[in-house]
Amino acid sequence: MSQQEIREIEQKIYQLTLQLNELRKEHLAEEVANYEFNTLNGSVRLMDLFAHHEQLMLIHNMGQACRYCTLWADGINGFLPHLETV
């Protein structure tokens, strides 16, 4: 594969990424049901767990067998303060 072919593919990927970002901006956030969870301290609703926050970030951690999951888990302390300010 030539350098020109690589640049052309990179340009296509870049243009598709821009297009995808625009589509994501147009997509409205989905409302989540206010689920109730049973805990050792009694029941609690999802909204009560997140107080005044309007956004929820969900990470499906599959444990040590997944290197990407452990990457998130190992680095959570470093980027958590940034997420909390959003």
PDB file of N, CA and C in Angstrom:
ATOM      1  N   MET A   1       0.850  -1.171   0.000  1.00  0.00           N
ATOM      2  CA  MET A   1       0.000   0.000   0.000  1.00  0.00           C
ATOM      3  C   MET A   1       0.899   1.238   0.000  1.00  0.00           C
ATOM      4  N   SER A   2       0.573   2.178  -0.847  1.00  0.00           N
ATOM      5  CA  SER A   2       1.397   3.384  -0.957  1.00  0.00           C
ATOM      6  C   SER A   2       0.996   4.420   0.090  1.00  0.00           C
ATOM      7  N   GLN A   3       1.877   5.387   0.288  1.00  0.00           N
ATOM      8  CA  GLN A   3       1.591   6.477   1.226  1.00  0.00           C
ATOM      9  C   GLN A   3       0.358   7.264   0.783  1.00  0.00           C
ATOM     10  N   GLN A   4       0.176   7.409  -0.506  1.00  0.00           N
ATOM     11  CA  GLN A   4      -0.989   8.127  -1.034  1.00  0.00           C
ATOM     12  C   GLN A   4      -2.279   7.391  -0.670  1.00  0.00           C
ATOM     13  N   GLU A   5      -2.281   6.077  -0.797  1.00  0.00           N
ATOM     14  CA  GLU A   5      -3.467   5.291  -0.439  1.00  0.00           C
ATOM     15  C   GLU A   5      -3.772   5.414   1.051  1.00  0.00           C
ATOM     16  N   ILE A   6      -2.731   5.414   1.853  1.00  0.00           N
ATOM     17  CA  ILE A   6      -2.907   5.561   3.298  1.00  0.00           C
ATOM     18  C   ILE A   6      -3.523   6.918   3.606  1.00  0.00           C
ATOM     19  N   ARG A   7      -3.012   7.985   2.991  1.00  0.00           N
ATOM     20  CA  ARG A   7      -3.556   9.332   3.213  1.00  0.00           C
ATOM     21  C   ARG A   7      -5.018   9.418   2.778  1.00  0.00           C
ATOM     22  N   GLU A   8      -5.357   8.784   1.666  1.00  0.00           N
ATOM     23  CA  GLU A   8      -6.743   8.805   1.184  1.00  0.00           C
ATOM     24  C   GLU A   8      -7.679   8.102   2.170  1.00  0.00           C
ATOM     25  N   ILE A   9      -7.241   6.975   2.695  1.00  0.00           N
ATOM     26  CA  ILE A   9      -8.053   6.253   3.680  1.00  0.00           C
ATOM     27  C   ILE A   9      -8.184   7.073   4.957  1.00  0.00           C
ATOM     28  N   GLU A  10      -7.085   7.677   5.398  1.00  0.00           N
ATOM     29  CA  GLU A  10      -7.136   8.527   6.592  1.00  0.00           C
ATOM     30  C   GLU A  10      -8.102   9.692   6.392  1.00  0.00           C
ATOM     31  N   GLN A  11      -8.106  10.276   5.210  1.00  0.00           N
ATOM     32  CA  GLN A  11      -9.007  11.385   4.915  1.00  0.00           C
ATOM     33  C   GLN A  11     -10.462  10.916   4.943  1.00  0.00           C
ATOM     34  N   LYS A  12     -10.737   9.744   4.406  1.00  0.00           N
ATOM     35  CA  LYS A  12     -12.094   9.189   4.444  1.00  0.00           C
ATOM     36  C   LYS A  12     -12.536   8.956   5.888  1.00  0.00           C
ATOM     37  N   ILE A  13     -11.638   8.393   6.685  1.00  0.00           N
ATOM     38  CA  ILE A  13     -11.952   8.146   8.097  1.00  0.00           C
ATOM     39  C   ILE A  13     -12.226   9.464   8.809  1.00  0.00           C
ATOM     40  N   TYR A  14     -11.419  10.471   8.531  1.00  0.00           N
ATOM     41  CA  TYR A  14     -11.598  11.785   9.149  1.00  0.00           C
ATOM     42  C   TYR A  14     -12.961  12.375   8.778  1.00  0.00           C
ATOM     43  N   GLN A  15     -13.313  12.315   7.502  1.00  0.00           N
ATOM     44  CA  GLN A  15     -14.599  12.857   7.053  1.00  0.00           C
ATOM     45  C   GLN A  15     -15.768  12.089   7.673  1.00  0.00           C
ATOM     46  N   LEU A  16     -15.655  10.777   7.756  1.00  0.00           N
ATOM     47  CA  LEU A  16     -16.701   9.972   8.387  1.00  0.00           C
ATOM     48  C   LEU A  16     -16.814  10.283   9.879  1.00  0.00           C
ATOM     49  N   THR A  17     -15.689  10.533  10.525  1.00  0.00           N
ATOM     50  CA  THR A  17     -15.701  10.891  11.944  1.00  0.00           C
ATOM     51  C   THR A  17     -16.415  12.222  12.150  1.00  0.00           C
ATOM     52  N   LEU A  18     -16.152  13.192  11.288  1.00  0.00           N
ATOM     53  CA  LEU A  18     -16.854  14.475  11.370  1.00  0.00           C
ATOM     54  C   LEU A  18     -18.357  14.282  11.182  1.00  0.00           C
ATOM     55  N   GLN A  19     -18.719  13.468  10.204  1.00  0.00           N
ATOM     56  CA  GLN A  19     -20.127  13.198   9.932  1.00  0.00           C
ATOM     57  C   GLN A  19     -20.783  12.503  11.130  1.00  0.00           C
ATOM     58  N   LEU A  20     -20.100  11.540  11.711  1.00  0.00           N
ATOM     59  CA  LEU A  20     -20.614  10.827  12.874  1.00  0.00           C
ATOM     60  C   LEU A  20     -20.806  11.774  14.059  1.00  0.00           C
ATOM     61  N   ASN A  21     -19.849  12.660  14.285  1.00  0.00           N
ATOM     62  CA  ASN A  21     -19.960  13.625  15.381  1.00  0.00           C
ATOM     63  C   ASN A  21     -21.169  14.536  15.206  1.00  0.00           C
ATOM     64  N   GLU A  22     -21.434  14.960  13.986  1.00  0.00           N
ATOM     65  CA  GLU A  22     -22.603  15.802  13.725  1.00  0.00           C
ATOM     66  C   GLU A  22     -23.892  15.039  13.996  1.00  0.00           C
ATOM     67  N   LEU A  23     -23.944  13.789  13.583  1.00  0.00           N
ATOM     68  CA  LEU A  23     -25.129  12.971  13.836  1.00  0.00           C
ATOM     69  C   LEU A  23     -25.345  12.772  15.333  1.00  0.00           C
ATOM     70  N   ARG A  24     -24.269  12.583  16.074  1.00  0.00           N
ATOM     71  CA  ARG A  24     -24.380  12.420  17.524  1.00  0.00           C
ATOM     72  C   ARG A  24     -24.911  13.688  18.180  1.00  0.00           C
ATOM     73  N   LYS A  25     -24.491  14.847  17.689  1.00  0.00           N
ATOM     74  CA  LYS A  25     -24.972  16.114  18.246  1.00  0.00           C
ATOM     75  C   LYS A  25     -26.470  16.280  18.022  1.00  0.00           C
ATOM     76  N   GLU A  26     -26.961  15.783  16.895  1.00  0.00           N
ATOM     77  CA  GLU A  26     -28.379  15.899  16.570  1.00  0.00           C
ATOM     78  C   GLU A  26     -29.237  14.938  17.382  1.00  0.00           C
ATOM     79  N   HIS A  27     -28.647  13.859  17.842  1.00  0.00           N
ATOM     80  CA  HIS A  27     -29.384  12.832  18.576  1.00  0.00           C
ATOM     81  C   HIS A  27     -29.635  13.300  20.006  1.00  0.00           C
ATOM     82  N   LEU A  28     -30.873  13.303  20.393  1.00  0.00           N
ATOM     83  CA  LEU A  28     -31.214  13.716  21.748  1.00  0.00           C
ATOM     84  C   LEU A  28     -30.844  12.620  22.736  1.00  0.00           C
ATOM     85  N   ALA A  29     -30.509  13.038  23.932  1.00  0.00           N
ATOM     86  CA  ALA A  29     -30.191  12.072  24.980  1.00  0.00           C
ATOM     87  C   ALA A  29     -31.431  11.240  25.291  1.00  0.00           C
ATOM     88  N   GLU A  30     -31.205   9.999  25.623  1.00  0.00           N
ATOM     89  CA  GLU A  30     -32.317   9.114  25.956  1.00  0.00           C
ATOM     90  C   GLU A  30     -32.614   9.189  27.444  1.00  0.00           C
ATOM     91  N   GLU A  31     -33.882   9.271  27.757  1.00  0.00           N
ATOM     92  CA  GLU A  31     -34.278   9.294  29.156  1.00  0.00           C
ATOM     93  C   GLU A  31     -34.192   7.879  29.727  1.00  0.00           C
ATOM     94  N   VAL A  32     -33.721   7.786  30.945  1.00  0.00           N
ATOM     95  CA  VAL A  32     -33.561   6.497  31.615  1.00  0.00           C
ATOM     96  C   VAL A  32     -34.616   6.387  32.702  1.00  0.00           C
ATOM     97  N   ALA A  33     -35.211   5.214  32.812  1.00  0.00           N
ATOM     98  CA  ALA A  33     -36.218   4.988  33.852  1.00  0.00           C
ATOM     99  C   ALA A  33     -35.581   5.132  35.231  1.00  0.00           C
ATOM    100  N   ASN A  34     -36.358   5.588  36.185  1.00  0.00           N
ATOM    101  CA  ASN A  34     -35.882   5.768  37.555  1.00  0.00           C
ATOM    102  C   ASN A  34     -36.011   4.438  38.305  1.00  0.00           C
ATOM    103  N   TYR A  35     -35.124   3.522  37.977  1.00  0.00           N
ATOM    104  CA  TYR A  35     -35.168   2.174  38.546  1.00  0.00           C
ATOM    105  C   TYR A  35     -35.012   2.199  40.057  1.00  0.00           C
ATOM    106  N   GLU A  36     -35.571   1.183  40.690  1.00  0.00           N
ATOM    107  CA  GLU A  36     -35.428   1.024  42.136  1.00  0.00           C
ATOM    108  C   GLU A  36     -34.549  -0.193  42.400  1.00  0.00           C
ATOM    109  N   PHE A  37     -33.555  -0.013  43.267  1.00  0.00           N
ATOM    110  CA  PHE A  37     -32.626  -1.083  43.604  1.00  0.00           C
ATOM    111  C   PHE A  37     -32.807  -1.461  45.068  1.00  0.00           C
ATOM    112  N   ASN A  38     -32.718  -2.742  45.345  1.00  0.00           N
ATOM    113  CA  ASN A  38     -32.763  -3.226  46.722  1.00  0.00           C
ATOM    114  C   ASN A  38     -31.335  -3.377  47.215  1.00  0.00           C
ATOM    115  N   THR A  39     -31.022  -2.698  48.302  1.00  0.00           N
ATOM    116  CA  THR A  39     -29.678  -2.758  48.869  1.00  0.00           C
ATOM    117  C   THR A  39     -29.760  -3.279  50.298  1.00  0.00           C
ATOM    118  N   LEU A  40     -28.624  -3.460  50.916  1.00  0.00           N
ATOM    119  CA  LEU A  40     -28.595  -3.895  52.312  1.00  0.00           C
ATOM    120  C   LEU A  40     -29.192  -2.838  53.236  1.00  0.00           C
ATOM    121  N   ASN A  41     -29.201  -1.583  52.772  1.00  0.00           N
ATOM    122  CA  ASN A  41     -29.750  -0.477  53.562  1.00  0.00           C
ATOM    123  C   ASN A  41     -31.171  -0.122  53.147  1.00  0.00           C
ATOM    124  N   GLY A  42     -31.823  -0.980  52.389  1.00  0.00           N
ATOM    125  CA  GLY A  42     -33.173  -0.706  51.916  1.00  0.00           C
ATOM    126  C   GLY A  42     -33.177  -0.355  50.437  1.00  0.00           C
ATOM    127  N   SER A  43     -34.324   0.056  49.932  1.00  0.00           N
ATOM    128  CA  SER A  43     -34.426   0.367  48.509  1.00  0.00           C
ATOM    129  C   SER A  43     -33.962   1.799  48.239  1.00  0.00           C
ATOM    130  N   VAL A  44     -33.440   1.994  47.037  1.00  0.00           N
ATOM    131  CA  VAL A  44     -32.979   3.315  46.615  1.00  0.00           C
ATOM    132  C   VAL A  44     -33.264   3.452  45.123  1.00  0.00           C
ATOM    133  N   ARG A  45     -33.649   4.646  44.716  1.00  0.00           N
ATOM    134  CA  ARG A  45     -33.932   4.903  43.303  1.00  0.00           C
ATOM    135  C   ARG A  45     -32.676   5.418  42.599  1.00  0.00           C
ATOM    136  N   LEU A  46     -32.618   5.162  41.307  1.00  0.00           N
ATOM    137  CA  LEU A  46     -31.465   5.559  40.503  1.00  0.00           C
ATOM    138  C   LEU A  46     -31.174   7.049  40.635  1.00  0.00           C
ATOM    139  N   MET A  47     -32.195   7.878  40.555  1.00  0.00           N
ATOM    140  CA  MET A  47     -31.984   9.327  40.642  1.00  0.00           C
ATOM    141  C   MET A  47     -31.401   9.737  41.990  1.00  0.00           C
ATOM    142  N   ASP A  48     -31.734   9.001  43.036  1.00  0.00           N
ATOM    143  CA  ASP A  48     -31.199   9.320  44.357  1.00  0.00           C
ATOM    144  C   ASP A  48     -29.701   9.028  44.442  1.00  0.00           C
ATOM    145  N   LEU A  49     -29.236   8.086  43.639  1.00  0.00           N
ATOM    146  CA  LEU A  49     -27.814   7.739  43.657  1.00  0.00           C
ATOM    147  C   LEU A  49     -26.945   8.811  43.008  1.00  0.00           C
ATOM    148  N   PHE A  50     -27.531   9.605  42.122  1.00  0.00           N
ATOM    149  CA  PHE A  50     -26.742  10.566  41.358  1.00  0.00           C
ATOM    150  C   PHE A  50     -27.063  12.011  41.680  1.00  0.00           C
ATOM    151  N   ALA A  51     -27.864  12.243  42.687  1.00  0.00           N
ATOM    152  CA  ALA A  51     -28.174  13.581  43.196  1.00  0.00           C
ATOM    153  C   ALA A  51     -28.507  14.551  42.069  1.00  0.00           C
ATOM    154  N   HIS A  52     -27.729  15.603  41.916  1.00  0.00           N
ATOM    155  CA  HIS A  52     -28.019  16.668  40.958  1.00  0.00           C
ATOM    156  C   HIS A  52     -27.446  16.414  39.563  1.00  0.00           C
ATOM    157  N   HIS A  53     -26.733  15.333  39.365  1.00  0.00           N
ATOM    158  CA  HIS A  53     -26.116  15.063  38.059  1.00  0.00           C
ATOM    159  C   HIS A  53     -27.178  14.671  37.034  1.00  0.00           C
ATOM    160  N   GLU A  54     -27.046  15.198  35.830  1.00  0.00           N
ATOM    161  CA  GLU A  54     -28.013  14.912  34.776  1.00  0.00           C
ATOM    162  C   GLU A  54     -27.515  13.868  33.785  1.00  0.00           C
ATOM    163  N   GLN A  55     -26.241  13.512  33.862  1.00  0.00           N
ATOM    164  CA  GLN A  55     -25.683  12.551  32.927  1.00  0.00           C
ATOM    165  C   GLN A  55     -25.123  11.354  33.680  1.00  0.00           C
ATOM    166  N   LEU A  56     -25.238  10.209  33.057  1.00  0.00           N
ATOM    167  CA  LEU A  56     -24.753   8.967  33.638  1.00  0.00           C
ATOM    168  C   LEU A  56     -23.781   8.327  32.660  1.00  0.00           C
ATOM    169  N   MET A  57     -22.620   7.968  33.141  1.00  0.00           N
ATOM    170  CA  MET A  57     -21.641   7.260  32.319  1.00  0.00           C
ATOM    171  C   MET A  57     -21.603   5.822  32.812  1.00  0.00           C
ATOM    172  N   LEU A  58     -21.857   4.910  31.918  1.00  0.00           N
ATOM    173  CA  LEU A  58     -21.917   3.503  32.269  1.00  0.00           C
ATOM    174  C   LEU A  58     -20.706   2.783  31.691  1.00  0.00           C
ATOM    175  N   ILE A  59     -20.011   2.053  32.535  1.00  0.00           N
ATOM    176  CA  ILE A  59     -18.860   1.271  32.102  1.00  0.00           C
ATOM    177  C   ILE A  59     -19.148  -0.190  32.410  1.00  0.00           C
ATOM    178  N   HIS A  60     -19.140  -1.011  31.380  1.00  0.00           N
ATOM    179  CA  HIS A  60     -19.339  -2.447  31.562  1.00  0.00           C
ATOM    180  C   HIS A  60     -17.961  -3.072  31.752  1.00  0.00           C
ATOM    181  N   ASN A  61     -17.625  -3.355  32.984  1.00  0.00           N
ATOM    182  CA  ASN A  61     -16.303  -3.889  33.307  1.00  0.00           C
ATOM    183  C   ASN A  61     -16.374  -5.408  33.371  1.00  0.00           C
ATOM    184  N   MET A  62     -15.640  -6.065  32.483  1.00  0.00           N
ATOM    185  CA  MET A  62     -15.657  -7.526  32.413  1.00  0.00           C
ATOM    186  C   MET A  62     -14.537  -8.157  33.232  1.00  0.00           C
ATOM    187  N   GLY A  63     -13.793  -7.346  33.958  1.00  0.00           N
ATOM    188  CA  GLY A  63     -12.782  -7.878  34.855  1.00  0.00           C
ATOM    189  C   GLY A  63     -11.411  -8.021  34.236  1.00  0.00           C
ATOM    190  N   GLN A  64     -10.566  -8.765  34.888  1.00  0.00           N
ATOM    191  CA  GLN A  64      -9.160  -8.879  34.513  1.00  0.00           C
ATOM    192  C   GLN A  64      -8.939  -9.531  33.152  1.00  0.00           C
ATOM    193  N   ALA A  65      -9.906 -10.272  32.658  1.00  0.00           N
ATOM    194  CA  ALA A  65      -9.740 -10.943  31.369  1.00  0.00           C
ATOM    195  C   ALA A  65      -9.757  -9.958  30.202  1.00  0.00           C
ATOM    196  N   CYS A  66     -10.262  -8.755  30.435  1.00  0.00           N
ATOM    197  CA  CYS A  66     -10.357  -7.756  29.367  1.00  0.00           C
ATOM    198  C   CYS A  66      -9.372  -6.625  29.638  1.00  0.00           C
ATOM    199  N   ARG A  67      -8.402  -6.456  28.757  1.00  0.00           N
ATOM    200  CA  ARG A  67      -7.384  -5.431  28.999  1.00  0.00           C
ATOM    201  C   ARG A  67      -7.955  -4.024  28.923  1.00  0.00           C
ATOM    202  N   TYR A  68      -9.017  -3.815  28.144  1.00  0.00           N
ATOM    203  CA  TYR A  68      -9.615  -2.484  28.066  1.00  0.00           C
ATOM    204  C   TYR A  68     -10.373  -2.156  29.349  1.00  0.00           C
ATOM    205  N   CYS A  69     -11.026  -3.156  29.916  1.00  0.00           N
ATOM    206  CA  CYS A  69     -11.736  -2.941  31.182  1.00  0.00           C
ATOM    207  C   CYS A  69     -10.756  -2.604  32.297  1.00  0.00           C
ATOM    208  N   THR A  70      -9.651  -3.310  32.348  1.00  0.00           N
ATOM    209  CA  THR A  70      -8.680  -3.028  33.400  1.00  0.00           C
ATOM    210  C   THR A  70      -8.006  -1.682  33.159  1.00  0.00           C
ATOM    211  N   LEU A  71      -7.890  -1.270  31.903  1.00  0.00           N
ATOM    212  CA  LEU A  71      -7.349   0.057  31.601  1.00  0.00           C
ATOM    213  C   LEU A  71      -8.238   1.135  32.212  1.00  0.00           C
ATOM    214  N   TRP A  72      -9.557   1.010  32.029  1.00  0.00           N
ATOM    215  CA  TRP A  72     -10.499   1.958  32.637  1.00  0.00           C
ATOM    216  C   TRP A  72     -10.383   1.924  34.155  1.00  0.00           C
ATOM    217  N   ALA A  73     -10.401   0.717  34.704  1.00  0.00           N
ATOM    218  CA  ALA A  73     -10.388   0.579  36.158  1.00  0.00           C
ATOM    219  C   ALA A  73      -9.096   1.136  36.760  1.00  0.00           C
ATOM    220  N   ASP A  74      -7.975   0.871  36.116  1.00  0.00           N
ATOM    221  CA  ASP A  74      -6.693   1.351  36.630  1.00  0.00           C
ATOM    222  C   ASP A  74      -6.583   2.868  36.566  1.00  0.00           C
ATOM    223  N   GLY A  75      -7.237   3.484  35.591  1.00  0.00           N
ATOM    224  CA  GLY A  75      -7.096   4.921  35.404  1.00  0.00           C
ATOM    225  C   GLY A  75      -8.226   5.762  35.956  1.00  0.00           C
ATOM    226  N   ILE A  76      -9.231   5.150  36.569  1.00  0.00           N
ATOM    227  CA  ILE A  76     -10.426   5.895  36.993  1.00  0.00           C
ATOM    228  C   ILE A  76     -10.096   7.035  37.955  1.00  0.00           C
ATOM    229  N   ASN A  77      -9.153   6.835  38.858  1.00  0.00           N
ATOM    230  CA  ASN A  77      -8.825   7.898  39.814  1.00  0.00           C
ATOM    231  C   ASN A  77      -8.242   9.126  39.126  1.00  0.00           C
ATOM    232  N   GLY A  78      -7.555   8.918  38.016  1.00  0.00           N
ATOM    233  CA  GLY A  78      -6.944  10.039  37.311  1.00  0.00           C
ATOM    234  C   GLY A  78      -7.936  10.916  36.575  1.00  0.00           C
ATOM    235  N   PHE A  79      -8.967  10.320  35.972  1.00  0.00           N
ATOM    236  CA  PHE A  79      -9.889  11.143  35.198  1.00  0.00           C
ATOM    237  C   PHE A  79     -11.228  11.385  35.882  1.00  0.00           C
ATOM    238  N   LEU A  80     -11.476  10.753  37.017  1.00  0.00           N
ATOM    239  CA  LEU A  80     -12.736  10.953  37.728  1.00  0.00           C
ATOM    240  C   LEU A  80     -12.988  12.418  38.090  1.00  0.00           C
ATOM    241  N   PRO A  81     -12.002  13.161  38.606  1.00  0.00           N
ATOM    242  CA  PRO A  81     -12.260  14.572  38.916  1.00  0.00           C
ATOM    243  C   PRO A  81     -12.708  15.375  37.687  1.00  0.00           C
ATOM    244  N   HIS A  82     -12.201  15.027  36.517  1.00  0.00           N
ATOM    245  CA  HIS A  82     -12.599  15.726  35.295  1.00  0.00           C
ATOM    246  C   HIS A  82     -14.044  15.404  34.934  1.00  0.00           C
ATOM    247  N   LEU A  83     -14.445  14.152  35.138  1.00  0.00           N
ATOM    248  CA  LEU A  83     -15.822  13.764  34.853  1.00  0.00           C
ATOM    249  C   LEU A  83     -16.795  14.424  35.822  1.00  0.00           C
ATOM    250  N   GLU A  84     -16.382  14.574  37.055  1.00  0.00           N
ATOM    251  CA  GLU A  84     -17.267  15.143  38.074  1.00  0.00           C
ATOM    252  C   GLU A  84     -17.522  16.630  37.861  1.00  0.00           C
ATOM    253  N   THR A  85     -16.687  17.303  37.082  1.00  0.00           N
ATOM    254  CA  THR A  85     -16.882  18.732  36.846  1.00  0.00           C
ATOM    255  C   THR A  85     -17.761  19.000  35.637  1.00  0.00           C
ATOM    256  N   VAL A  86     -18.124  17.959  34.905  1.00  0.00           N
ATOM    257  CA  VAL A  86     -18.945  18.135  33.694  1.00  0.00           C
ATOM    258  C   VAL A  86     -20.383  18.336  34.073  1.00  0.00           C
TER     259      VAL A  86
END
